[in-house]
C-alpha atoms as a PDB file:
ATOM      1  CA  MET A   1      98.489 -54.322  -0.145  1.00  0.00           C
ATOM      2  CA  LYS A   2      95.547 -55.229  -2.437  1.00  0.00           C
ATOM      3  CA  LYS A   3      93.885 -57.073   0.376  1.00  0.00           C
ATOM      4  CA  THR A   4      94.139 -54.110   2.700  1.00  0.00           C
ATOM      5  CA  ILE A   5      92.716 -51.696   0.084  1.00  0.00           C
ATOM      6  CA  ALA A   6      89.961 -54.124  -0.684  1.00  0.00           C
ATOM      7  CA  LEU A   7      88.998 -54.574   3.073  1.00  0.00           C
ATOM      8  CA  LEU A   8      89.262 -50.756   3.562  1.00  0.00           C
ATOM      9  CA  ALA A   9      86.797 -50.113   0.500  1.00  0.00           C
ATOM     10  CA  ALA A  10      84.396 -52.719   1.868  1.00  0.00           C
ATOM     11  CA  VAL A  11      84.189 -51.192   5.340  1.00  0.00           C
ATOM     12  CA  THR A  12      83.924 -47.693   3.852  1.00  0.00           C
ATOM     13  CA  LEU A  13      80.925 -48.847   1.612  1.00  0.00           C
ATOM     14  CA  SER A  14      79.369 -50.677   4.434  1.00  0.00           C
ATOM     15  CA  VAL A  15      79.530 -47.628   6.832  1.00  0.00           C
ATOM     16  CA  GLY A  16      78.132 -45.521   4.073  1.00  0.00           C
ATOM     17  CA  LEU A  17      75.274 -47.709   3.209  1.00  0.00           C
ATOM     18  CA  LEU A  18      74.319 -48.197   6.983  1.00  0.00           C
ATOM     19  CA  ALA A  19      74.570 -44.427   7.663  1.00  0.00           C
ATOM     20  CA  GLY A  20      72.255 -43.766   4.690  1.00  0.00           C
ATOM     21  CA  CYS A  21      69.681 -46.297   5.756  1.00  0.00           C
ATOM     22  CA  ASP A  22      68.586 -44.130   8.745  1.00  0.00           C
ATOM     23  CA  SER A  23      67.130 -41.558   6.403  1.00  0.00           C
ATOM     24  CA  VAL A  24      65.455 -43.863   4.063  1.00  0.00           C
ATOM     25  CA  PRO A  25      62.159 -44.384   6.353  1.00  0.00           C
ATOM     26  CA  ASN A  26      61.987 -40.732   7.046  1.00  0.00           C
ATOM     27  CA  ALA A  27      61.969 -39.924   3.273  1.00  0.00           C
ATOM     28  CA  ILE A  28      59.391 -42.454   2.664  1.00  0.00           C
ATOM     29  CA  ALA A  29      57.248 -41.265   5.509  1.00  0.00           C
ATOM     30  CA  SER A  30      57.533 -37.722   4.282  1.00  0.00           C
ATOM     31  CA  VAL A  31      56.138 -38.484   0.767  1.00  0.00           C
ATOM     32  CA  SER A  32      53.758 -41.555   1.522  1.00  0.00           C
ATOM     33  CA  SER A  33      50.439 -39.345   1.286  1.00  0.00           C
ATOM     34  CA  THR A  34      51.424 -37.663  -1.910  1.00  0.00           C
ATOM     35  CA  PRO A  35      51.075 -39.332  -5.190  1.00  0.00           C
ATOM     36  CA  ALA A  36      54.338 -39.616  -7.184  1.00  0.00           C
ATOM     37  CA  SER A  37      54.218 -38.084 -10.468  1.00  0.00           C
ATOM     38  CA  VAL A  38      56.967 -37.739 -12.895  1.00  0.00           C
ATOM     39  CA  ALA A  39      57.357 -36.030 -16.500  1.00  0.00           C
ATOM     40  CA  SER A  40      59.666 -37.591 -18.908  1.00  0.00           C
ATOM     41  CA  PRO A  41      61.590 -35.692 -21.620  1.00  0.00           C
ATOM     42  CA  GLY A  42      59.356 -37.390 -24.172  1.00  0.00           C
ATOM     43  CA  GLY A  43      56.325 -35.463 -22.988  1.00  0.00           C
ATOM     44  CA  SER A  44      54.623 -38.261 -21.226  1.00  0.00           C
ATOM     45  CA  ASP A  45      53.992 -38.331 -17.568  1.00  0.00           C
ATOM     46  CA  ILE A  46      53.621 -41.102 -15.069  1.00  0.00           C
ATOM     47  CA  SER A  47      51.613 -41.091 -11.733  1.00  0.00           C
ATOM     48  CA  VAL A  48      51.648 -43.618  -9.109  1.00  0.00           C
ATOM     49  CA  TYR A  49      49.043 -44.197  -6.375  1.00  0.00           C
ATOM     50  CA  PHE A  50      49.385 -46.158  -3.129  1.00  0.00           C
ATOM     51  CA  PRO A  51      45.948 -46.762  -1.516  1.00  0.00           C
ATOM     52  CA  ARG A  52      47.443 -47.761   1.947  1.00  0.00           C
ATOM     53  CA  ALA A  53      49.289 -44.404   1.927  1.00  0.00           C
ATOM     54  CA  GLY A  54      45.850 -42.624   1.705  1.00  0.00           C
ATOM     55  CA  GLN A  55      45.914 -42.134  -1.932  1.00  0.00           C
ATOM     56  CA  ASP A  56      42.600 -42.790  -3.762  1.00  0.00           C
ATOM     57  CA  ALA A  57      43.694 -45.147  -6.513  1.00  0.00           C
ATOM     58  CA  GLU A  58      40.044 -46.407  -6.989  1.00  0.00           C
ATOM     59  CA  GLY A  59      38.886 -42.808  -7.653  1.00  0.00           C
ATOM     60  CA  GLN A  60      41.841 -42.065  -9.972  1.00  0.00           C
ATOM     61  CA  LEU A  61      41.081 -45.184 -11.870  1.00  0.00           C
ATOM     62  CA  ILE A  62      37.381 -44.311 -12.160  1.00  0.00           C
ATOM     63  CA  SER A  63      38.364 -40.854 -13.240  1.00  0.00           C
ATOM     64  CA  ARG A  64      40.332 -42.121 -16.070  1.00  0.00           C
ATOM     65  CA  LEU A  65      37.674 -44.658 -17.040  1.00  0.00           C
ATOM     66  CA  SER A  66      35.098 -41.725 -17.051  1.00  0.00           C
ATOM     67  CA  ALA A  67      37.238 -39.740 -19.314  1.00  0.00           C
ATOM     68  CA  ALA A  68      37.381 -42.346 -22.114  1.00  0.00           C
ATOM     69  CA  GLN A  69      35.846 -40.933 -25.379  1.00  0.00           C
ATOM     70  CA  LYS A  70      36.550 -43.624 -28.229  1.00  0.00           C
ATOM     71  CA  THR A  71      37.889 -46.713 -26.810  1.00  0.00           C
ATOM     72  CA  LEU A  72      38.454 -48.610 -23.536  1.00  0.00           C
ATOM     73  CA  ASP A  73      40.183 -52.026 -23.108  1.00  0.00           C
ATOM     74  CA  VAL A  74      40.314 -53.661 -19.793  1.00  0.00           C
ATOM     75  CA  ALA A  75      42.321 -56.842 -18.888  1.00  0.00           C
ATOM     76  CA  ILE A  76      41.724 -57.553 -15.169  1.00  0.00           C
ATOM     77  CA  TYR A  77      42.556 -60.458 -12.977  1.00  0.00           C
ATOM     78  CA  GLU A  78      40.150 -59.732  -9.956  1.00  0.00           C
ATOM     79  CA  PHE A  79      37.105 -57.573 -10.479  1.00  0.00           C
ATOM     80  CA  THR A  80      34.546 -57.148  -7.780  1.00  0.00           C
ATOM     81  CA  ASP A  81      34.363 -53.483  -7.329  1.00  0.00           C
ATOM     82  CA  THR A  82      30.943 -52.418  -8.782  1.00  0.00           C
ATOM     83  CA  LYS A  83      31.739 -48.809  -8.696  1.00  0.00           C
ATOM     84  CA  ILE A  84      34.435 -49.524 -11.239  1.00  0.00           C
ATOM     85  CA  ALA A  85      31.946 -51.773 -13.170  1.00  0.00           C
ATOM     86  CA  ASP A  86      29.620 -49.073 -13.308  1.00  0.00           C
ATOM     87  CA  ALA A  87      32.184 -46.643 -14.706  1.00  0.00           C
ATOM     88  CA  ILE A  88      33.171 -49.093 -17.509  1.00  0.00           C
ATOM     89  CA  ALA A  89      29.495 -49.832 -18.259  1.00  0.00           C
ATOM     90  CA  ALA A  90      28.875 -45.826 -18.387  1.00  0.00           C
ATOM     91  CA  ALA A  91      31.649 -45.491 -20.810  1.00  0.00           C
ATOM     92  CA  LYS A  92      29.800 -47.960 -23.334  1.00  0.00           C
ATOM     93  CA  LYS A  93      26.602 -46.068 -22.727  1.00  0.00           C
ATOM     94  CA  ARG A  94      28.442 -42.805 -23.838  1.00  0.00           C
ATOM     95  CA  GLY A  95      29.403 -44.379 -27.160  1.00  0.00           C
ATOM     96  CA  VAL A  96      32.773 -45.697 -26.276  1.00  0.00           C
ATOM     97  CA  THR A  97      33.952 -48.944 -27.702  1.00  0.00           C
ATOM     98  CA  VAL A  98      34.628 -51.127 -24.772  1.00  0.00           C
ATOM     99  CA  ARG A  99      36.066 -54.754 -24.374  1.00  0.00           C
ATOM    100  CA  LEU A 100      37.081 -56.562 -21.374  1.00  0.00           C
ATOM    101  CA  ILE A 101      39.207 -59.721 -20.610  1.00  0.00           C
ATOM    102  CA  SER A 102      39.264 -61.425 -17.315  1.00  0.00           C
ATOM    103  CA  ASP A 103      40.575 -64.511 -15.652  1.00  0.00           C
ATOM    104  CA  ARG A 104      38.770 -67.954 -16.019  1.00  0.00           C
ATOM    105  CA  GLU A 105      38.982 -68.771 -12.400  1.00  0.00           C
ATOM    106  CA  CYS A 106      38.226 -65.463 -10.758  1.00  0.00           C
ATOM    107  CA  SER A 107      35.306 -65.095 -13.175  1.00  0.00           C
ATOM    108  CA  GLY A 108      33.704 -68.059 -11.534  1.00  0.00           C
ATOM    109  CA  GLU A 109      33.435 -66.560  -8.235  1.00  0.00           C
ATOM    110  CA  ALA A 110      30.005 -64.783  -7.292  1.00  0.00           C
ATOM    111  CA  ALA A 111      31.412 -61.369  -6.483  1.00  0.00           C
ATOM    112  CA  GLN A 112      33.315 -61.245  -9.769  1.00  0.00           C
ATOM    113  CA  LYS A 113      30.211 -62.520 -11.715  1.00  0.00           C
ATOM    114  CA  LYS A 114      28.242 -59.725 -10.173  1.00  0.00           C
ATOM    115  CA  ALA A 115      30.730 -57.025 -11.507  1.00  0.00           C
ATOM    116  CA  LEU A 116      31.057 -58.856 -14.913  1.00  0.00           C
ATOM    117  CA  ASN A 117      27.212 -59.037 -15.234  1.00  0.00           C
ATOM    118  CA  ILE A 118      27.107 -55.124 -14.880  1.00  0.00           C
ATOM    119  CA  VAL A 119      29.474 -54.892 -17.670  1.00  0.00           C
ATOM    120  CA  LYS A 120      27.852 -57.539 -19.923  1.00  0.00           C
ATOM    121  CA  ALA A 121      24.300 -55.993 -19.347  1.00  0.00           C
ATOM    122  CA  ALA A 122      25.844 -52.717 -20.853  1.00  0.00           C
ATOM    123  CA  GLY A 123      26.434 -54.806 -24.090  1.00  0.00           C
ATOM    124  CA  ILE A 124      30.300 -55.088 -23.363  1.00  0.00           C
ATOM    125  CA  PRO A 125      31.914 -58.203 -24.765  1.00  0.00           C
ATOM    126  CA  ILE A 126      34.001 -60.148 -22.164  1.00  0.00           C
ATOM    127  CA  ARG A 127      36.586 -62.801 -22.943  1.00  0.00           C
ATOM    128  CA  ILE A 128      38.438 -65.116 -20.448  1.00  0.00           C
ATOM    129  CA  ASN A 129      41.369 -67.230 -20.623  1.00  0.00           C
ATOM    130  CA  SER A 130      41.106 -70.873 -21.539  1.00  0.00           C
ATOM    131  CA  HIS A 131      44.896 -71.734 -21.243  1.00  0.00           C
ATOM    132  CA  PRO A 132      46.054 -73.335 -18.042  1.00  0.00           C
ATOM    133  CA  GLY A 133      47.753 -70.340 -16.693  1.00  0.00           C
ATOM    134  CA  ILE A 134      46.056 -67.246 -15.249  1.00  0.00           C
ATOM    135  CA  MET A 135      45.229 -64.004 -16.839  1.00  0.00           C
ATOM    136  CA  HIS A 136      47.023 -61.977 -14.268  1.00  0.00           C
ATOM    137  CA  LEU A 137      47.052 -58.448 -15.810  1.00  0.00           C
ATOM    138  CA  LYS A 138      45.581 -55.294 -14.133  1.00  0.00           C
ATOM    139  CA  VAL A 139      45.424 -53.001 -17.132  1.00  0.00           C
ATOM    140  CA  SER A 140      43.124 -50.407 -18.711  1.00  0.00           C
ATOM    141  CA  ILE A 141      43.923 -48.800 -22.096  1.00  0.00           C
ATOM    142  CA  ILE A 142      41.987 -45.524 -22.590  1.00  0.00           C
ATOM    143  CA  ASP A 143      41.767 -44.009 -26.003  1.00  0.00           C
ATOM    144  CA  ASP A 144      44.878 -45.484 -27.121  1.00  0.00           C
ATOM    145  CA  SER A 145      46.756 -42.806 -25.248  1.00  0.00           C
ATOM    146  CA  VAL A 146      46.421 -43.500 -21.334  1.00  0.00           C
ATOM    147  CA  THR A 147      47.278 -46.985 -19.591  1.00  0.00           C
ATOM    148  CA  THR A 148      46.674 -47.915 -16.024  1.00  0.00           C
ATOM    149  CA  THR A 149      48.454 -50.747 -14.749  1.00  0.00           C
ATOM    150  CA  GLY A 150      50.213 -52.106 -11.495  1.00  0.00           C
ATOM    151  CA  SER A 151      49.207 -54.432  -8.871  1.00  0.00           C
ATOM    152  CA  PHE A 152      45.854 -52.806  -8.111  1.00  0.00           C
ATOM    153  CA  ASN A 153      43.007 -55.363  -8.764  1.00  0.00           C
ATOM    154  CA  TYR A 154      39.412 -53.748  -9.292  1.00  0.00           C
ATOM    155  CA  THR A 155      38.350 -54.696  -5.836  1.00  0.00           C
ATOM    156  CA  LYS A 156      37.435 -53.024  -2.585  1.00  0.00           C
ATOM    157  CA  GLY A 157      40.237 -54.867  -0.846  1.00  0.00           C
ATOM    158  CA  ALA A 158      42.818 -53.335  -3.204  1.00  0.00           C
ATOM    159  CA  GLN A 159      41.731 -49.935  -2.244  1.00  0.00           C
ATOM    160  CA  ASN A 160      40.991 -50.284   1.397  1.00  0.00           C
ATOM    161  CA  GLU A 161      43.277 -53.310   2.774  1.00  0.00           C
ATOM    162  CA  ASN A 162      45.975 -54.395   0.464  1.00  0.00           C
ATOM    163  CA  ASP A 163      49.399 -52.924  -0.177  1.00  0.00           C
ATOM    164  CA  GLU A 164      48.874 -52.035  -3.970  1.00  0.00           C
ATOM    165  CA  ASN A 165      49.838 -49.565  -6.534  1.00  0.00           C
ATOM    166  CA  LEU A 166      48.056 -48.066  -9.525  1.00  0.00           C
ATOM    167  CA  VAL A 167      50.468 -46.573 -12.355  1.00  0.00           C
ATOM    168  CA  VAL A 168      48.938 -44.182 -14.672  1.00  0.00           C
ATOM    169  CA  LEU A 169      50.999 -43.775 -17.909  1.00  0.00           C
ATOM    170  CA  ASN A 170      50.027 -40.897 -20.236  1.00  0.00           C
ATOM    171  CA  ASN A 171      52.128 -42.110 -23.410  1.00  0.00           C
ATOM    172  CA  SER A 172      50.696 -43.198 -26.646  1.00  0.00           C
ATOM    173  CA  GLN A 173      53.570 -45.332 -27.476  1.00  0.00           C
ATOM    174  CA  ILE A 174      53.435 -47.424 -24.269  1.00  0.00           C
ATOM    175  CA  SER A 175      49.554 -47.506 -24.636  1.00  0.00           C
ATOM    176  CA  GLN A 176      50.304 -49.074 -28.190  1.00  0.00           C
ATOM    177  CA  GLN A 177      52.401 -51.842 -26.700  1.00  0.00           C
ATOM    178  CA  TYR A 178      49.681 -52.649 -24.260  1.00  0.00           C
ATOM    179  CA  GLU A 179      47.144 -52.415 -27.032  1.00  0.00           C
ATOM    180  CA  THR A 180      49.215 -54.760 -29.145  1.00  0.00           C
ATOM    181  CA  GLN A 181      49.099 -57.471 -26.288  1.00  0.00           C
ATOM    182  CA  PHE A 182      45.476 -56.850 -25.527  1.00  0.00           C
ATOM    183  CA  ASN A 183      44.547 -57.663 -29.173  1.00  0.00           C
ATOM    184  CA  ARG A 184      46.761 -60.744 -29.129  1.00  0.00           C
ATOM    185  CA  MET A 185      44.921 -62.101 -26.276  1.00  0.00           C
ATOM    186  CA  TRP A 186      41.529 -60.906 -27.593  1.00  0.00           C
ATOM    187  CA  ASN A 187      41.967 -62.378 -31.005  1.00  0.00           C
ATOM    188  CA  ASP A 188      43.524 -65.716 -29.725  1.00  0.00           C
ATOM    189  CA  THR A 189      40.554 -68.288 -30.129  1.00  0.00           C
ATOM    190  CA  LYS A 190      42.763 -71.081 -28.831  1.00  0.00           C
ATOM    191  CA  ASP A 191      43.674 -69.606 -25.506  1.00  0.00           C
ATOM    192  CA  PHE A 192      40.718 -67.196 -24.864  1.00  0.00           C
ATOM    193  CA  THR A 193      36.935 -67.706 -25.062  1.00  0.00           C
ATOM    194  CA  ASN A 194      33.774 -65.728 -24.559  1.00  0.00           C
ATOM    195  CA  TRP A 195      32.496 -65.415 -21.083  1.00  0.00           C
ATOM    196  CA  ASN A 196      29.108 -66.759 -20.187  1.00  0.00           C
ATOM    197  CA  SER A 197      27.728 -66.074 -16.718  1.00  0.00           C
END
């Protein structure tokens, strides 16, 4: 009897799951060109942008960087998009305190050197990892209240070719957690060093 009930439950569950799968692609297709945005009960909101779905993650990121008024901390793995570099440099020119951390190996590539030199020319200090792993974050912390993260590297490929996401978190508590980790890396003289082109 127990085996029969278990078998019946398994078959019912399988049929239910298979029937529901038909509607998943349609649901995804119907929302793919609209950025996802959610407000939480705590008063913060989260927005997600998918460039391959026609959402302008690069523009959203630049908009957030351009809104910085006091502080901007960036930890970015790949960084070759000069429009984003210009937005970071412009923040410094507006009087924003800006710091940037990047990956040692990526920072040795010509396209990344070009973007980093735009930032460095604005007087922004840059650090890279010296530990054997990679610095794989893709994070900007703006005015201790807005954090951008996700898989989105600061490259044209991320905006125009790759399957990526940019997540924007408007929450000072989350931003503080990211800021704590950024400061840990920034102040770590054993595993991080100044970048010199």
